[in-house]
């Protein structure tokens, strides 16, 4: 788990905070849609989709 956090912090730049929040949710609900990520982070569809694609 710590290894994933370090990778996200290092590789996601400005989106690191968002990526860490999504990671926390994924530990509890591993299969999600872009719509669910939008709900968690209150982002646009494009932003949530971009995050999931990375």
PDB file of N, CA and C in Angstrom:
ATOM      1  N   UNK A   1       0.829  -1.184   0.000  1.00  0.00           N
ATOM      2  CA  UNK A   1       0.000   0.000   0.000  1.00  0.00           C
ATOM      3  C   UNK A   1       0.881   1.258   0.000  1.00  0.00           C
ATOM      4  N   UNK A   2       1.898   1.288   0.825  1.00  0.00           N
ATOM      5  CA  UNK A   2       2.786   2.445   0.876  1.00  0.00           C
ATOM      6  C   UNK A   2       3.493   2.642  -0.460  1.00  0.00           C
ATOM      7  N   UNK A   3       3.836   1.551  -1.093  1.00  0.00           N
ATOM      8  CA  UNK A   3       4.504   1.619  -2.392  1.00  0.00           C
ATOM      9  C   UNK A   3       3.599   2.295  -3.427  1.00  0.00           C
ATOM     10  N   UNK A   4       2.305   1.986  -3.399  1.00  0.00           N
ATOM     11  CA  UNK A   4       1.359   2.621  -4.317  1.00  0.00           C
ATOM     12  C   UNK A   4       1.264   4.114  -4.043  1.00  0.00           C
ATOM     13  N   UNK A   5       1.223   4.491  -2.777  1.00  0.00           N
ATOM     14  CA  UNK A   5       1.145   5.909  -2.420  1.00  0.00           C
ATOM     15  C   UNK A   5       2.364   6.673  -2.919  1.00  0.00           C
ATOM     16  N   UNK A   6       3.528   6.088  -2.727  1.00  0.00           N
ATOM     17  CA  UNK A   6       4.759   6.744  -3.170  1.00  0.00           C
ATOM     18  C   UNK A   6       4.784   6.909  -4.684  1.00  0.00           C
ATOM     19  N   UNK A   7       4.347   5.877  -5.413  1.00  0.00           N
ATOM     20  CA  UNK A   7       4.323   5.950  -6.865  1.00  0.00           C
ATOM     21  C   UNK A   7       3.367   7.045  -7.335  1.00  0.00           C
ATOM     22  N   UNK A   8       2.183   7.105  -6.737  1.00  0.00           N
ATOM     23  CA  UNK A   8       1.212   8.123  -7.136  1.00  0.00           C
ATOM     24  C   UNK A   8       1.736   9.523  -6.847  1.00  0.00           C
ATOM     25  N   UNK A   9       2.332   9.701  -5.689  1.00  0.00           N
ATOM     26  CA  UNK A   9       2.870  11.004  -5.322  1.00  0.00           C
ATOM     27  C   UNK A   9       3.969  11.418  -6.290  1.00  0.00           C
ATOM     28  N   UNK A  10       4.798  10.477  -6.686  1.00  0.00           N
ATOM     29  CA  UNK A  10       5.915  10.763  -7.586  1.00  0.00           C
ATOM     30  C   UNK A  10       5.453  10.995  -9.024  1.00  0.00           C
ATOM     31  N   UNK A  11       4.513  10.180  -9.507  1.00  0.00           N
ATOM     32  CA  UNK A  11       4.199  10.165 -10.935  1.00  0.00           C
ATOM     33  C   UNK A  11       2.999  10.999 -11.366  1.00  0.00           C
ATOM     34  N   UNK A  12       2.133  11.403 -10.447  1.00  0.00           N
ATOM     35  CA  UNK A  12       0.901  12.058 -10.848  1.00  0.00           C
ATOM     36  C   UNK A  12       0.931  13.578 -10.747  1.00  0.00           C
ATOM     37  N   UNK A  13       2.017  14.144 -10.291  1.00  0.00           N
ATOM     38  CA  UNK A  13       2.140  15.596 -10.270  1.00  0.00           C
ATOM     39  C   UNK A  13       0.972  16.280  -9.587  1.00  0.00           C
ATOM     40  N   UNK A  14       0.334  17.193 -10.305  1.00  0.00           N
ATOM     41  CA  UNK A  14      -0.782  17.967  -9.737  1.00  0.00           C
ATOM     42  C   UNK A  14      -1.967  17.104  -9.347  1.00  0.00           C
ATOM     43  N   UNK A  15      -2.117  15.954  -9.970  1.00  0.00           N
ATOM     44  CA  UNK A  15      -3.250  15.082  -9.674  1.00  0.00           C
ATOM     45  C   UNK A  15      -2.957  14.083  -8.557  1.00  0.00           C
ATOM     46  N   UNK A  16      -1.823  14.217  -7.888  1.00  0.00           N
ATOM     47  CA  UNK A  16      -1.442  13.252  -6.853  1.00  0.00           C
ATOM     48  C   UNK A  16      -2.478  13.181  -5.733  1.00  0.00           C
ATOM     49  N   UNK A  17      -2.977  14.312  -5.283  1.00  0.00           N
ATOM     50  CA  UNK A  17      -3.978  14.317  -4.212  1.00  0.00           C
ATOM     51  C   UNK A  17      -5.249  13.598  -4.626  1.00  0.00           C
ATOM     52  N   UNK A  18      -5.683  13.854  -5.833  1.00  0.00           N
ATOM     53  CA  UNK A  18      -6.872  13.185  -6.363  1.00  0.00           C
ATOM     54  C   UNK A  18      -6.619  11.689  -6.501  1.00  0.00           C
ATOM     55  N   UNK A  19      -5.464  11.341  -7.025  1.00  0.00           N
ATOM     56  CA  UNK A  19      -5.136   9.932  -7.213  1.00  0.00           C
ATOM     57  C   UNK A  19      -5.081   9.197  -5.874  1.00  0.00           C
ATOM     58  N   UNK A  20      -4.553   9.827  -4.843  1.00  0.00           N
ATOM     59  CA  UNK A  20      -4.495   9.193  -3.523  1.00  0.00           C
ATOM     60  C   UNK A  20      -5.888   8.980  -2.942  1.00  0.00           C
ATOM     61  N   UNK A  21      -6.768   9.950  -3.139  1.00  0.00           N
ATOM     62  CA  UNK A  21      -8.144   9.800  -2.668  1.00  0.00           C
ATOM     63  C   UNK A  21      -8.831   8.641  -3.376  1.00  0.00           C
ATOM     64  N   UNK A  22      -8.654   8.567  -4.676  1.00  0.00           N
ATOM     65  CA  UNK A  22      -9.262   7.475  -5.447  1.00  0.00           C
ATOM     66  C   UNK A  22      -8.675   6.135  -5.006  1.00  0.00           C
ATOM     67  N   UNK A  23      -7.369   6.084  -4.757  1.00  0.00           N
ATOM     68  CA  UNK A  23      -6.738   4.850  -4.297  1.00  0.00           C
ATOM     69  C   UNK A  23      -7.375   4.368  -2.997  1.00  0.00           C
ATOM     70  N   UNK A  24      -7.599   5.274  -2.065  1.00  0.00           N
ATOM     71  CA  UNK A  24      -8.234   4.901  -0.797  1.00  0.00           C
ATOM     72  C   UNK A  24      -9.614   4.276  -1.036  1.00  0.00           C
ATOM     73  N   UNK A  25     -10.385   4.871  -1.919  1.00  0.00           N
ATOM     74  CA  UNK A  25     -11.704   4.331  -2.241  1.00  0.00           C
ATOM     75  C   UNK A  25     -11.598   2.964  -2.923  1.00  0.00           C
ATOM     76  N   UNK A  26     -10.584   2.810  -3.771  1.00  0.00           N
ATOM     77  CA  UNK A  26     -10.436   1.550  -4.499  1.00  0.00           C
ATOM     78  C   UNK A  26     -10.111   0.372  -3.586  1.00  0.00           C
ATOM     79  N   UNK A  27      -9.476   0.642  -2.455  1.00  0.00           N
ATOM     80  CA  UNK A  27      -9.212  -0.453  -1.515  1.00  0.00           C
ATOM     81  C   UNK A  27     -10.508  -1.013  -0.948  1.00  0.00           C
ATOM     82  N   UNK A  28     -11.544  -0.187  -0.896  1.00  0.00           N
ATOM     83  CA  UNK A  28     -12.838  -0.630  -0.378  1.00  0.00           C
ATOM     84  C   UNK A  28     -13.795  -1.079  -1.480  1.00  0.00           C
ATOM     85  N   UNK A  29     -13.625  -0.497  -2.659  1.00  0.00           N
ATOM     86  CA  UNK A  29     -14.500  -0.803  -3.798  1.00  0.00           C
ATOM     87  C   UNK A  29     -13.622  -0.867  -5.050  1.00  0.00           C
ATOM     88  N   UNK A  30     -13.037  -2.042  -5.336  1.00  0.00           N
ATOM     89  CA  UNK A  30     -12.011  -2.134  -6.375  1.00  0.00           C
ATOM     90  C   UNK A  30     -12.478  -1.943  -7.817  1.00  0.00           C
ATOM     91  N   UNK A  31     -13.746  -2.103  -8.096  1.00  0.00           N
ATOM     92  CA  UNK A  31     -14.237  -1.926  -9.462  1.00  0.00           C
ATOM     93  C   UNK A  31     -15.144  -0.708  -9.497  1.00  0.00           C
ATOM     94  N   UNK A  32     -14.720   0.304 -10.239  1.00  0.00           N
ATOM     95  CA  UNK A  32     -15.497   1.546 -10.288  1.00  0.00           C
ATOM     96  C   UNK A  32     -15.595   2.061 -11.712  1.00  0.00           C
ATOM     97  N   UNK A  33     -16.536   2.941 -11.913  1.00  0.00           N
ATOM     98  CA  UNK A  33     -16.708   3.606 -13.205  1.00  0.00           C
ATOM     99  C   UNK A  33     -16.177   5.032 -13.106  1.00  0.00           C
ATOM    100  N   UNK A  34     -16.045   5.658 -14.245  1.00  0.00           N
ATOM    101  CA  UNK A  34     -15.643   7.062 -14.274  1.00  0.00           C
ATOM    102  C   UNK A  34     -16.673   7.900 -13.516  1.00  0.00           C
ATOM    103  N   UNK A  35     -17.929   7.549 -13.636  1.00  0.00           N
ATOM    104  CA  UNK A  35     -18.981   8.287 -12.925  1.00  0.00           C
ATOM    105  C   UNK A  35     -18.774   8.240 -11.416  1.00  0.00           C
ATOM    106  N   UNK A  36     -18.362   7.103 -10.895  1.00  0.00           N
ATOM    107  CA  UNK A  36     -18.121   6.979  -9.455  1.00  0.00           C
ATOM    108  C   UNK A  36     -16.944   7.865  -9.026  1.00  0.00           C
ATOM    109  N   UNK A  37     -15.891   7.887  -9.820  1.00  0.00           N
ATOM    110  CA  UNK A  37     -14.739   8.749  -9.510  1.00  0.00           C
ATOM    111  C   UNK A  37     -15.176  10.209  -9.536  1.00  0.00           C
ATOM    112  N   UNK A  38     -16.038  10.563 -10.474  1.00  0.00           N
ATOM    113  CA  UNK A  38     -16.566  11.937 -10.527  1.00  0.00           C
ATOM    114  C   UNK A  38     -17.276  12.276  -9.228  1.00  0.00           C
ATOM    115  N   UNK A  39     -18.056  11.345  -8.700  1.00  0.00           N
ATOM    116  CA  UNK A  39     -18.764  11.574  -7.443  1.00  0.00           C
ATOM    117  C   UNK A  39     -17.797  11.757  -6.283  1.00  0.00           C
ATOM    118  N   UNK A  40     -16.788  10.905  -6.223  1.00  0.00           N
ATOM    119  CA  UNK A  40     -15.824  10.972  -5.124  1.00  0.00           C
ATOM    120  C   UNK A  40     -15.069  12.285  -5.126  1.00  0.00           C
ATOM    121  N   UNK A  41     -14.672  12.760  -6.316  1.00  0.00           N
ATOM    122  CA  UNK A  41     -13.791  13.920  -6.413  1.00  0.00           C
ATOM    123  C   UNK A  41     -14.469  15.180  -6.936  1.00  0.00           C
ATOM    124  N   UNK A  42     -15.731  15.084  -7.310  1.00  0.00           N
ATOM    125  CA  UNK A  42     -16.460  16.234  -7.863  1.00  0.00           C
ATOM    126  C   UNK A  42     -15.686  16.887  -9.012  1.00  0.00           C
ATOM    127  N   UNK A  43     -15.343  16.036  -9.963  1.00  0.00           N
ATOM    128  CA  UNK A  43     -14.591  16.467 -11.134  1.00  0.00           C
ATOM    129  C   UNK A  43     -15.453  16.358 -12.381  1.00  0.00           C
ATOM    130  N   UNK A  44     -14.943  16.923 -13.457  1.00  0.00           N
ATOM    131  CA  UNK A  44     -15.610  16.754 -14.739  1.00  0.00           C
ATOM    132  C   UNK A  44     -15.379  15.326 -15.216  1.00  0.00           C
ATOM    133  N   UNK A  45     -16.199  14.908 -16.156  1.00  0.00           N
ATOM    134  CA  UNK A  45     -16.040  13.572 -16.724  1.00  0.00           C
ATOM    135  C   UNK A  45     -14.655  13.437 -17.356  1.00  0.00           C
ATOM    136  N   UNK A  46     -14.223  14.453 -18.067  1.00  0.00           N
ATOM    137  CA  UNK A  46     -12.920  14.408 -18.731  1.00  0.00           C
ATOM    138  C   UNK A  46     -11.780  14.249 -17.732  1.00  0.00           C
ATOM    139  N   UNK A  47     -11.820  14.970 -16.624  1.00  0.00           N
ATOM    140  CA  UNK A  47     -10.767  14.869 -15.606  1.00  0.00           C
ATOM    141  C   UNK A  47     -10.746  13.496 -14.956  1.00  0.00           C
ATOM    142  N   UNK A  48     -11.917  12.995 -14.597  1.00  0.00           N
ATOM    143  CA  UNK A  48     -11.993  11.682 -13.969  1.00  0.00           C
ATOM    144  C   UNK A  48     -11.543  10.594 -14.943  1.00  0.00           C
ATOM    145  N   UNK A  49     -11.927  10.709 -16.173  1.00  0.00           N
ATOM    146  CA  UNK A  49     -11.541   9.738 -17.186  1.00  0.00           C
ATOM    147  C   UNK A  49     -10.027   9.762 -17.404  1.00  0.00           C
ATOM    148  N   UNK A  50      -9.457  10.946 -17.443  1.00  0.00           N
ATOM    149  CA  UNK A  50      -8.015  11.083 -17.612  1.00  0.00           C
ATOM    150  C   UNK A  50      -7.261  10.438 -16.452  1.00  0.00           C
ATOM    151  N   UNK A  51      -7.745  10.658 -15.244  1.00  0.00           N
ATOM    152  CA  UNK A  51      -7.113  10.064 -14.072  1.00  0.00           C
ATOM    153  C   UNK A  51      -7.145   8.539 -14.145  1.00  0.00           C
ATOM    154  N   UNK A  52      -8.289   7.987 -14.535  1.00  0.00           N
ATOM    155  CA  UNK A  52      -8.428   6.535 -14.603  1.00  0.00           C
ATOM    156  C   UNK A  52      -7.595   5.952 -15.743  1.00  0.00           C
ATOM    157  N   UNK A  53      -7.415   6.704 -16.792  1.00  0.00           N
ATOM    158  CA  UNK A  53      -6.614   6.224 -17.930  1.00  0.00           C
ATOM    159  C   UNK A  53      -5.141   6.140 -17.566  1.00  0.00           C
ATOM    160  N   UNK A  54      -4.706   7.028 -16.662  1.00  0.00           N
ATOM    161  CA  UNK A  54      -3.295   7.018 -16.246  1.00  0.00           C
ATOM    162  C   UNK A  54      -3.065   5.862 -15.326  1.00  0.00           C
TER     163      UNK A  54
END
